[in-house]
N, C-alpha and C. Protein backbone atom coordinates (compact mmCIF):
# COMPACT_ATOMS: atom_id res chain seq x y z
N UNK A 1 29.47 -4.31 -17.62
CA UNK A 1 28.26 -3.57 -17.33
C UNK A 1 28.13 -3.46 -15.81
N UNK A 2 27.86 -2.27 -15.34
CA UNK A 2 27.67 -2.06 -13.91
C UNK A 2 26.30 -2.50 -13.49
N UNK A 3 26.12 -2.66 -12.18
CA UNK A 3 24.82 -3.08 -11.66
C UNK A 3 23.73 -2.06 -12.03
N UNK A 4 24.10 -0.77 -12.01
CA UNK A 4 23.12 0.26 -12.36
C UNK A 4 22.68 0.14 -13.81
N UNK A 5 23.64 -0.08 -14.73
CA UNK A 5 23.32 -0.26 -16.13
C UNK A 5 22.47 -1.51 -16.35
N UNK A 6 22.79 -2.56 -15.62
CA UNK A 6 22.02 -3.78 -15.74
C UNK A 6 20.60 -3.59 -15.24
N UNK A 7 20.44 -2.87 -14.15
CA UNK A 7 19.10 -2.60 -13.61
C UNK A 7 18.27 -1.79 -14.61
N UNK A 8 18.91 -0.84 -15.29
CA UNK A 8 18.21 -0.04 -16.29
C UNK A 8 17.77 -0.89 -17.48
N UNK A 9 18.56 -1.88 -17.84
CA UNK A 9 18.22 -2.77 -18.94
C UNK A 9 17.06 -3.68 -18.60
N UNK A 10 16.93 -4.01 -17.34
CA UNK A 10 15.90 -4.97 -16.91
C UNK A 10 14.58 -4.29 -16.58
N UNK A 11 14.60 -2.98 -16.46
CA UNK A 11 13.37 -2.26 -16.10
C UNK A 11 12.41 -2.24 -17.30
N UNK A 12 11.18 -2.62 -17.04
CA UNK A 12 10.16 -2.66 -18.09
C UNK A 12 9.76 -1.25 -18.49
N UNK A 13 9.73 -1.00 -19.79
CA UNK A 13 9.37 0.32 -20.32
C UNK A 13 8.25 0.14 -21.34
N UNK A 14 6.99 0.15 -20.87
CA UNK A 14 5.87 -0.12 -21.76
C UNK A 14 5.72 0.88 -22.90
N UNK A 15 6.15 2.14 -22.69
CA UNK A 15 6.01 3.13 -23.76
C UNK A 15 6.94 2.77 -24.93
N UNK A 16 8.18 2.35 -24.63
CA UNK A 16 9.11 1.94 -25.69
C UNK A 16 8.60 0.70 -26.40
N UNK A 17 8.03 -0.23 -25.63
CA UNK A 17 7.46 -1.45 -26.23
C UNK A 17 6.35 -1.10 -27.20
N UNK A 18 5.45 -0.22 -26.78
CA UNK A 18 4.31 0.17 -27.61
C UNK A 18 4.79 0.87 -28.90
N UNK A 19 5.79 1.69 -28.80
CA UNK A 19 6.31 2.38 -29.98
C UNK A 19 6.91 1.36 -30.94
N UNK A 20 7.65 0.39 -30.43
CA UNK A 20 8.22 -0.66 -31.30
C UNK A 20 7.14 -1.51 -31.93
N UNK A 21 6.10 -1.81 -31.17
CA UNK A 21 4.99 -2.61 -31.70
C UNK A 21 4.34 -1.85 -32.84
N UNK A 22 4.09 -0.58 -32.63
CA UNK A 22 3.46 0.25 -33.66
C UNK A 22 4.36 0.44 -34.87
N UNK A 23 5.66 0.48 -34.63
CA UNK A 23 6.60 0.63 -35.73
C UNK A 23 6.51 -0.55 -36.69
N UNK A 24 6.39 -1.74 -36.16
CA UNK A 24 6.29 -2.92 -37.02
C UNK A 24 5.00 -2.87 -37.83
N UNK A 25 3.91 -2.47 -37.21
CA UNK A 25 2.63 -2.40 -37.91
C UNK A 25 2.66 -1.33 -39.00
N UNK A 26 3.52 -0.33 -38.84
CA UNK A 26 3.67 0.74 -39.81
C UNK A 26 4.71 0.43 -40.88
N UNK A 27 5.41 -0.69 -40.73
CA UNK A 27 6.41 -1.12 -41.71
C UNK A 27 7.79 -0.52 -41.52
N UNK A 28 8.06 0.07 -40.34
CA UNK A 28 9.36 0.62 -40.06
C UNK A 28 10.34 -0.52 -39.83
N UNK A 29 11.51 -0.50 -40.48
CA UNK A 29 12.45 -1.61 -40.35
C UNK A 29 13.09 -1.68 -38.96
N UNK A 30 13.52 -2.88 -38.59
CA UNK A 30 14.16 -3.08 -37.31
C UNK A 30 15.58 -2.48 -37.33
N UNK A 31 15.91 -1.80 -36.26
CA UNK A 31 17.24 -1.19 -36.13
C UNK A 31 17.93 -1.86 -34.95
N UNK A 32 19.12 -2.37 -35.21
CA UNK A 32 19.87 -3.03 -34.14
C UNK A 32 20.28 -2.09 -33.02
N UNK A 33 20.31 -0.78 -33.31
CA UNK A 33 20.72 0.21 -32.31
C UNK A 33 19.55 0.72 -31.49
N UNK A 34 18.35 0.26 -31.78
CA UNK A 34 17.17 0.76 -31.05
C UNK A 34 17.10 0.16 -29.65
N UNK A 35 16.27 0.74 -28.85
CA UNK A 35 16.09 0.36 -27.46
C UNK A 35 15.61 -1.09 -27.36
N UNK A 36 16.05 -1.76 -26.32
CA UNK A 36 15.71 -3.19 -26.11
C UNK A 36 14.21 -3.44 -26.14
N UNK A 37 13.45 -2.60 -25.43
CA UNK A 37 12.00 -2.82 -25.34
C UNK A 37 11.32 -2.48 -26.68
N UNK A 38 11.88 -1.51 -27.43
CA UNK A 38 11.37 -1.21 -28.75
C UNK A 38 11.50 -2.43 -29.64
N UNK A 39 12.66 -3.08 -29.59
CA UNK A 39 12.90 -4.28 -30.40
C UNK A 39 11.96 -5.41 -30.00
N UNK A 40 11.73 -5.56 -28.73
CA UNK A 40 10.83 -6.63 -28.27
C UNK A 40 9.39 -6.37 -28.71
N UNK A 41 8.95 -5.13 -28.64
CA UNK A 41 7.61 -4.79 -29.11
C UNK A 41 7.46 -5.06 -30.60
N UNK A 42 8.50 -4.68 -31.35
CA UNK A 42 8.46 -4.91 -32.79
C UNK A 42 8.44 -6.41 -33.09
N UNK A 43 9.25 -7.17 -32.39
CA UNK A 43 9.30 -8.63 -32.61
C UNK A 43 7.97 -9.28 -32.27
N UNK A 44 7.32 -8.83 -31.21
CA UNK A 44 6.02 -9.40 -30.84
C UNK A 44 4.97 -9.08 -31.90
N UNK A 45 4.99 -7.87 -32.43
CA UNK A 45 4.05 -7.51 -33.49
C UNK A 45 4.30 -8.35 -34.73
N UNK A 46 5.58 -8.57 -35.04
CA UNK A 46 5.94 -9.39 -36.20
C UNK A 46 5.42 -10.80 -36.03
N UNK A 47 5.58 -11.35 -34.85
CA UNK A 47 5.09 -12.71 -34.58
C UNK A 47 3.58 -12.76 -34.72
N UNK A 48 2.90 -11.76 -34.20
CA UNK A 48 1.41 -11.72 -34.30
C UNK A 48 0.97 -11.64 -35.75
N UNK A 49 1.65 -10.82 -36.57
CA UNK A 49 1.31 -10.73 -37.97
C UNK A 49 1.54 -12.04 -38.70
N UNK A 50 2.66 -12.72 -38.42
CA UNK A 50 2.94 -14.00 -39.04
C UNK A 50 1.91 -15.05 -38.64
N UNK A 51 1.54 -15.09 -37.38
CA UNK A 51 0.54 -16.07 -36.93
C UNK A 51 -0.84 -15.78 -37.50
N UNK A 52 -1.17 -14.51 -37.65
CA UNK A 52 -2.44 -14.14 -38.23
C UNK A 52 -2.53 -14.58 -39.69
N UNK A 53 -1.40 -14.48 -40.39
CA UNK A 53 -1.37 -14.88 -41.79
C UNK A 53 -1.48 -16.41 -41.92
N UNK A 54 -0.96 -17.12 -40.93
CA UNK A 54 -1.01 -18.59 -40.98
C UNK A 54 -2.40 -19.12 -40.70
N UNK A 55 -3.17 -18.39 -39.89
CA UNK A 55 -4.50 -18.82 -39.47
C UNK A 55 -5.55 -17.79 -39.84
N UNK A 56 -5.93 -17.74 -41.09
CA UNK A 56 -6.88 -16.72 -41.53
C UNK A 56 -8.27 -16.90 -40.96
């Protein structure tokens, strides 16, 4: 991976994160080929849903 590619991977993309977060709340399955920030948003929503279920 070049430095430019690495810099692009490390750049925060809140729009992608929000779409991934919303995807989890809508029940859209996780795709391994999706954008890194999309996956992180979806994972955070999943964690929040699991914790909410544990602590009603």
